[in-house]
N, C-alpha and C. Protein backbone atom coordinates (compact mmCIF):
# COMPACT_ATOMS: atom_id res chain seq x y z
N MET A 1 0.82 -1.18 -0.02
CA MET A 1 0.06 -0.04 0.01
C MET A 1 0.96 1.26 -0.03
N ASP A 2 0.73 2.10 -0.93
CA ASP A 2 1.53 3.35 -1.07
C ASP A 2 0.53 4.61 -0.73
N MET A 3 1.02 5.36 0.03
CA MET A 3 0.01 6.54 0.44
C MET A 3 0.86 7.84 0.26
N ASP A 4 0.04 8.72 -0.20
CA ASP A 4 0.56 10.10 -0.11
C ASP A 4 0.41 10.64 1.10
N VAL A 5 1.55 11.17 1.58
CA VAL A 5 1.64 11.88 2.97
C VAL A 5 2.35 13.36 2.79
N ASP A 6 1.44 14.27 2.45
CA ASP A 6 2.08 15.59 2.26
C ASP A 6 3.06 15.62 1.24
N GLY A 7 2.65 15.02 0.01
CA GLY A 7 3.65 14.91 -1.05
C GLY A 7 4.76 14.06 -1.12
N HIS A 8 4.92 13.31 0.03
CA HIS A 8 5.85 12.11 0.17
C HIS A 8 5.09 10.97 0.12
N THR A 9 5.73 9.79 -0.08
CA THR A 9 5.07 8.48 -0.09
C THR A 9 5.44 7.55 1.03
N ALA A 10 4.51 6.99 1.70
CA ALA A 10 4.76 5.97 2.74
C ALA A 10 4.32 4.69 2.02
N THR A 11 5.16 3.65 2.06
CA THR A 11 5.00 2.38 1.40
C THR A 11 4.85 1.26 2.49
N LEU A 12 3.90 0.69 2.70
CA LEU A 12 3.59 -0.50 3.47
C LEU A 12 3.76 -1.85 2.74
N VAL A 13 4.54 -2.73 3.16
CA VAL A 13 4.83 -3.88 2.45
C VAL A 13 4.57 -5.07 3.45
N SER A 14 3.69 -5.88 3.19
CA SER A 14 3.16 -7.00 4.06
C SER A 14 3.18 -8.30 3.16
N PHE A 15 3.39 -9.35 3.89
CA PHE A 15 3.51 -10.77 3.19
C PHE A 15 2.58 -11.66 4.01
N ALA A 16 2.09 -12.75 3.52
CA ALA A 16 1.20 -13.69 4.09
C ALA A 16 1.83 -14.38 5.32
N ALA A 17 3.21 -14.49 5.30
CA ALA A 17 3.95 -15.03 6.56
C ALA A 17 3.88 -14.09 7.73
N GLY A 18 3.56 -12.88 7.55
CA GLY A 18 3.53 -11.81 8.58
C GLY A 18 4.52 -10.81 8.57
N ASP A 19 5.61 -11.11 7.57
CA ASP A 19 6.59 -10.06 7.53
C ASP A 19 6.16 -8.82 7.02
N THR A 20 6.59 -7.71 7.46
CA THR A 20 6.05 -6.39 7.11
C THR A 20 7.23 -5.30 7.27
N SER A 21 7.12 -4.33 6.46
CA SER A 21 8.07 -3.25 6.42
C SER A 21 7.31 -2.05 6.09
N LEU A 22 7.76 -0.83 6.67
CA LEU A 22 7.40 0.65 6.30
C LEU A 22 8.46 1.34 5.68
N TYR A 23 8.28 1.94 4.42
CA TYR A 23 9.36 2.68 3.76
C TYR A 23 8.82 4.03 3.59
N LEU A 24 9.72 5.01 3.95
CA LEU A 24 9.19 6.45 3.70
C LEU A 24 10.09 7.15 2.64
N SER A 25 9.58 7.82 1.66
CA SER A 25 10.30 8.51 0.61
C SER A 25 10.99 9.54 1.17
N SER A 26 10.65 10.06 2.26
CA SER A 26 11.47 11.09 2.89
C SER A 26 12.65 10.61 3.73
N GLY A 27 12.74 9.30 3.73
CA GLY A 27 13.78 8.61 4.41
C GLY A 27 13.41 7.94 5.71
N GLY A 28 13.88 6.82 5.91
CA GLY A 28 13.62 6.18 7.18
C GLY A 28 12.54 4.99 6.95
N GLY A 29 12.05 4.45 8.03
CA GLY A 29 10.98 3.55 8.02
C GLY A 29 11.44 2.33 9.01
N THR A 30 10.76 1.16 8.76
CA THR A 30 10.90 0.25 9.80
C THR A 30 10.95 -1.15 8.81
N ILE A 31 11.86 -1.96 9.06
CA ILE A 31 12.02 -3.16 8.30
C ILE A 31 11.90 -4.31 9.51
N GLY A 32 11.14 -5.40 8.93
CA GLY A 32 11.15 -6.49 9.92
C GLY A 32 10.17 -6.37 11.07
N GLY A 33 9.00 -5.71 10.89
CA GLY A 33 8.02 -5.51 11.83
C GLY A 33 7.40 -6.79 12.36
N SER A 34 7.71 -7.92 11.71
CA SER A 34 7.15 -9.21 12.05
C SER A 34 7.65 -9.73 13.33
N ALA A 35 8.63 -9.13 13.83
CA ALA A 35 9.28 -9.52 15.13
C ALA A 35 8.24 -9.38 16.24
N ASP A 36 7.34 -8.35 16.14
CA ASP A 36 6.15 -8.19 17.10
C ASP A 36 5.09 -8.97 16.69
N HIS A 37 4.67 -9.74 17.59
CA HIS A 37 3.54 -10.75 17.30
C HIS A 37 2.15 -10.08 16.83
N ASP A 38 1.84 -8.91 17.33
CA ASP A 38 0.73 -8.16 17.00
C ASP A 38 0.83 -7.52 15.49
N VAL A 39 1.97 -7.21 15.15
CA VAL A 39 2.33 -6.54 13.94
C VAL A 39 2.22 -7.70 12.89
N ALA A 40 2.79 -8.86 13.11
CA ALA A 40 2.74 -9.95 12.27
C ALA A 40 1.28 -10.33 12.06
N ALA A 41 0.54 -10.49 13.09
CA ALA A 41 -0.90 -11.02 12.91
C ALA A 41 -1.62 -9.88 12.14
N ALA A 42 -1.46 -8.74 12.31
CA ALA A 42 -2.18 -7.59 11.58
C ALA A 42 -1.70 -7.67 10.08
N SER A 43 -0.42 -7.83 9.95
CA SER A 43 0.02 -8.11 8.44
C SER A 43 -0.60 -9.22 7.84
N ARG A 44 -0.75 -10.23 8.53
CA ARG A 44 -1.36 -11.54 7.90
C ARG A 44 -2.92 -11.13 7.62
N ASP A 45 -3.46 -10.38 8.44
CA ASP A 45 -4.84 -10.06 8.21
C ASP A 45 -5.01 -9.06 7.11
N PHE A 46 -4.02 -8.18 6.81
CA PHE A 46 -4.05 -7.17 5.74
C PHE A 46 -3.92 -8.01 4.35
N VAL A 47 -2.99 -8.84 4.37
CA VAL A 47 -2.91 -9.71 3.24
C VAL A 47 -4.26 -10.52 2.90
N ALA A 48 -4.73 -10.98 3.88
CA ALA A 48 -6.09 -11.85 3.72
C ALA A 48 -7.22 -10.88 3.23
N ALA A 49 -7.09 -9.63 3.77
CA ALA A 49 -8.23 -8.57 3.24
C ALA A 49 -8.14 -8.25 1.85
N ALA A 50 -6.98 -8.54 1.27
CA ALA A 50 -6.76 -8.16 -0.15
C ALA A 50 -7.28 -9.12 -1.00
N ARG A 51 -7.45 -10.41 -0.59
CA ARG A 51 -7.91 -11.49 -1.35
C ARG A 51 -9.28 -11.26 -2.12
N PRO A 52 -10.34 -10.79 -1.29
CA PRO A 52 -11.63 -10.60 -2.03
C PRO A 52 -11.67 -9.51 -3.05
N HIS A 53 -10.63 -8.52 -3.04
CA HIS A 53 -10.53 -7.40 -4.05
C HIS A 53 -9.64 -7.72 -5.17
N LEU A 54 -9.06 -8.87 -5.22
CA LEU A 54 -8.13 -9.22 -6.44
C LEU A 54 -8.80 -9.15 -7.71
N ALA A 55 -9.91 -9.62 -7.86
CA ALA A 55 -10.69 -9.73 -9.22
C ALA A 55 -10.92 -8.30 -9.65
N ALA A 56 -11.04 -7.30 -8.79
CA ALA A 56 -11.44 -6.05 -9.12
C ALA A 56 -10.22 -5.09 -9.58
N MET A 57 -9.04 -5.75 -9.36
CA MET A 57 -7.86 -4.91 -9.60
C MET A 57 -7.19 -5.27 -10.89
N ALA A 58 -6.61 -4.42 -11.62
CA ALA A 58 -6.09 -4.59 -13.01
C ALA A 58 -4.64 -4.89 -12.94
N ALA A 59 -4.11 -5.28 -14.00
CA ALA A 59 -2.65 -5.41 -14.07
C ALA A 59 -2.03 -3.98 -14.44
N PRO A 60 -1.35 -3.37 -13.63
CA PRO A 60 -0.78 -1.97 -13.93
C PRO A 60 0.30 -2.08 -14.98
N ARG A 61 0.29 -0.91 -15.72
CA ARG A 61 1.40 -0.81 -16.75
C ARG A 61 2.74 -0.43 -15.99
N ASP A 62 2.61 0.34 -14.99
CA ASP A 62 3.64 0.82 -14.13
C ASP A 62 3.24 1.07 -12.83
N GLN A 63 4.08 1.44 -11.81
CA GLN A 63 3.69 1.62 -10.47
C GLN A 63 4.28 3.08 -9.99
N PRO A 64 3.38 4.11 -10.43
CA PRO A 64 3.83 5.55 -10.16
C PRO A 64 3.41 5.74 -8.60
N ARG A 65 4.14 6.69 -7.99
CA ARG A 65 3.73 7.06 -6.71
C ARG A 65 2.44 7.75 -6.81
N PRO A 66 1.69 7.49 -5.69
CA PRO A 66 0.19 8.09 -5.58
C PRO A 66 0.36 9.60 -5.72
N GLY A 67 -0.66 10.00 -6.29
CA GLY A 67 -0.78 11.68 -6.30
C GLY A 67 -1.34 12.21 -4.88
N ARG A 68 -1.35 13.35 -4.96
CA ARG A 68 -1.85 13.98 -3.73
C ARG A 68 -3.25 13.56 -3.41
N GLY A 69 -3.49 13.02 -2.14
CA GLY A 69 -4.74 12.64 -1.67
C GLY A 69 -5.18 11.26 -2.21
N GLU A 70 -4.04 10.44 -2.80
CA GLU A 70 -4.30 9.09 -3.18
C GLU A 70 -3.62 7.97 -2.41
N THR A 71 -4.17 6.92 -2.52
CA THR A 71 -3.55 5.59 -1.92
C THR A 71 -3.57 4.54 -3.00
N SER A 72 -2.41 3.79 -3.23
CA SER A 72 -2.35 2.77 -4.23
C SER A 72 -2.23 1.47 -3.61
N PHE A 73 -2.86 0.42 -4.05
CA PHE A 73 -2.51 -0.89 -3.61
C PHE A 73 -2.00 -1.64 -4.78
N TYR A 74 -0.87 -2.51 -4.39
CA TYR A 74 -0.41 -3.57 -5.40
C TYR A 74 -0.30 -4.81 -4.74
N LEU A 75 -0.83 -5.73 -5.39
CA LEU A 75 -0.88 -7.27 -5.01
C LEU A 75 0.14 -8.01 -5.92
N ILE A 76 1.04 -8.74 -5.30
CA ILE A 76 1.80 -9.64 -6.12
C ILE A 76 1.20 -11.05 -5.97
N THR A 77 0.83 -11.46 -7.22
CA THR A 77 0.07 -12.91 -7.24
C THR A 77 0.80 -13.90 -8.15
N THR A 78 0.45 -15.00 -8.20
CA THR A 78 0.88 -16.06 -9.10
C THR A 78 0.66 -15.61 -10.53
N ALA A 79 -0.36 -14.78 -10.66
CA ALA A 79 -0.82 -14.44 -12.09
C ALA A 79 -0.25 -13.09 -12.37
N GLY A 80 0.70 -12.59 -11.60
CA GLY A 80 1.33 -11.34 -11.80
C GLY A 80 0.77 -10.26 -10.93
N LEU A 81 1.19 -8.99 -11.27
CA LEU A 81 0.87 -7.89 -10.33
C LEU A 81 -0.40 -7.30 -10.73
N ARG A 82 -1.23 -6.99 -9.59
CA ARG A 82 -2.43 -6.31 -9.67
C ARG A 82 -2.37 -5.03 -8.96
N GLY A 83 -3.21 -4.06 -9.26
CA GLY A 83 -3.14 -2.79 -8.64
C GLY A 83 -4.46 -2.03 -8.75
N ALA A 84 -4.50 -1.07 -7.82
CA ALA A 84 -5.64 -0.06 -8.05
C ALA A 84 -5.21 1.14 -7.21
N THR A 85 -5.69 2.40 -7.71
CA THR A 85 -5.39 3.60 -6.82
C THR A 85 -6.73 4.38 -6.58
N ARG A 86 -6.87 4.84 -5.33
CA ARG A 86 -8.18 5.36 -4.84
C ARG A 86 -7.90 6.75 -4.16
N SER A 87 -9.03 7.43 -3.99
CA SER A 87 -8.96 8.63 -3.11
C SER A 87 -8.84 8.26 -1.66
N THR A 88 -7.77 8.73 -0.93
CA THR A 88 -7.66 8.34 0.39
C THR A 88 -8.77 8.96 1.20
N GLU A 89 -9.55 10.02 0.85
CA GLU A 89 -10.68 10.54 1.59
C GLU A 89 -11.85 9.49 1.47
N ALA A 90 -12.11 8.98 0.26
CA ALA A 90 -13.17 7.92 0.09
C ALA A 90 -12.76 6.69 0.97
N LEU A 91 -11.44 6.34 0.95
CA LEU A 91 -11.18 5.11 1.70
C LEU A 91 -11.33 5.31 3.25
N VAL A 92 -10.99 6.41 3.68
CA VAL A 92 -11.25 6.94 5.11
C VAL A 92 -12.58 7.00 5.56
N ASN A 93 -13.40 7.59 4.54
CA ASN A 93 -14.87 7.76 4.73
C ASN A 93 -15.68 6.46 4.61
N GLU A 94 -14.99 5.35 4.19
CA GLU A 94 -15.57 4.00 3.82
C GLU A 94 -16.57 4.13 2.89
N THR A 95 -16.40 4.95 1.84
CA THR A 95 -17.25 5.05 0.62
C THR A 95 -16.78 4.27 -0.53
N ASP A 96 -15.56 3.66 -0.49
CA ASP A 96 -15.09 2.96 -1.51
C ASP A 96 -14.88 1.44 -1.12
N ALA A 97 -15.02 0.65 -2.23
CA ALA A 97 -15.14 -0.78 -1.97
C ALA A 97 -13.67 -1.31 -1.31
N LEU A 98 -12.69 -0.64 -1.51
CA LEU A 98 -11.43 -0.98 -1.04
C LEU A 98 -11.18 -0.41 0.41
N SER A 99 -12.03 0.26 0.95
CA SER A 99 -11.94 0.80 2.40
C SER A 99 -11.54 -0.29 3.36
N PRO A 100 -12.12 -1.59 3.23
CA PRO A 100 -11.83 -2.51 4.32
C PRO A 100 -10.34 -2.87 4.15
N LEU A 101 -9.74 -2.88 2.97
CA LEU A 101 -8.31 -3.24 2.74
C LEU A 101 -7.49 -2.02 3.25
N PHE A 102 -7.76 -0.84 3.12
CA PHE A 102 -7.07 0.36 3.53
C PHE A 102 -7.12 0.31 5.17
N MET A 103 -8.33 0.01 5.67
CA MET A 103 -8.26 -0.08 7.10
C MET A 103 -7.65 -1.12 7.80
N ALA A 104 -7.60 -2.26 7.14
CA ALA A 104 -6.61 -3.33 7.64
C ALA A 104 -5.09 -2.77 7.46
N GLY A 105 -4.88 -2.00 6.40
CA GLY A 105 -3.31 -1.56 6.42
C GLY A 105 -3.14 -0.55 7.28
N GLN A 106 -4.21 0.31 7.70
CA GLN A 106 -3.88 1.24 8.80
C GLN A 106 -3.71 0.67 10.11
N ARG A 107 -4.32 -0.52 10.38
CA ARG A 107 -4.01 -1.15 11.63
C ARG A 107 -2.68 -1.70 11.73
N VAL A 108 -2.06 -2.18 10.63
CA VAL A 108 -0.71 -2.57 10.46
C VAL A 108 0.23 -1.47 10.86
N LEU A 109 -0.04 -0.26 10.15
CA LEU A 109 0.77 1.02 10.34
C LEU A 109 0.75 1.49 11.81
N HIS A 110 -0.46 1.40 12.44
CA HIS A 110 -0.63 1.77 13.88
C HIS A 110 0.20 0.97 14.78
N LEU A 111 0.21 -0.35 14.51
CA LEU A 111 0.94 -1.41 15.35
C LEU A 111 2.57 -1.21 15.05
N ILE A 112 2.82 -0.88 13.77
CA ILE A 112 4.35 -0.70 13.68
C ILE A 112 4.90 0.45 14.34
N LEU A 113 3.99 1.65 14.34
CA LEU A 113 4.49 2.64 15.05
C LEU A 113 4.54 2.51 16.47
N GLN A 114 3.51 1.80 16.90
CA GLN A 114 3.49 1.58 18.37
C GLN A 114 4.72 0.65 18.75
N ALA A 115 5.18 -0.28 17.99
CA ALA A 115 6.23 -1.11 18.37
C ALA A 115 7.57 -0.58 18.05
N SER A 116 7.58 0.58 17.38
CA SER A 116 8.79 1.12 16.92
C SER A 116 9.57 1.59 18.12
N PRO A 117 11.02 1.26 18.08
CA PRO A 117 11.80 1.50 19.22
C PRO A 117 12.01 3.06 19.38
N SER A 118 11.79 3.90 18.21
CA SER A 118 12.01 5.38 18.39
C SER A 118 10.80 6.10 19.05
N ARG A 119 9.78 5.26 19.43
CA ARG A 119 8.64 5.94 20.04
C ARG A 119 8.73 5.91 21.42
């Protein structure tokens, strides 16, 4: 999940095994968040939340950074890459079909930030 954050990009990467990382285009991030049990469980839930939306996602030609006020989702599957970009406002307001996926990603982010040693 790539999110616009004041013109920068925050990229959340999660895998079915629970591994997760957060990368910030402004520098920094967190690698290996799966060491925390809650983060790993939320990461697995995030991946599981993507499955119902797979059919609605298209194979992207490229993976640009999200524009202002946008969030992009990319799924790596055995059939190739799938993706979708949505208005973050619609995702937050739960008026977009991908809102449950966004909220699952937000849960991972919240737990990563809580578990971060710099907090």
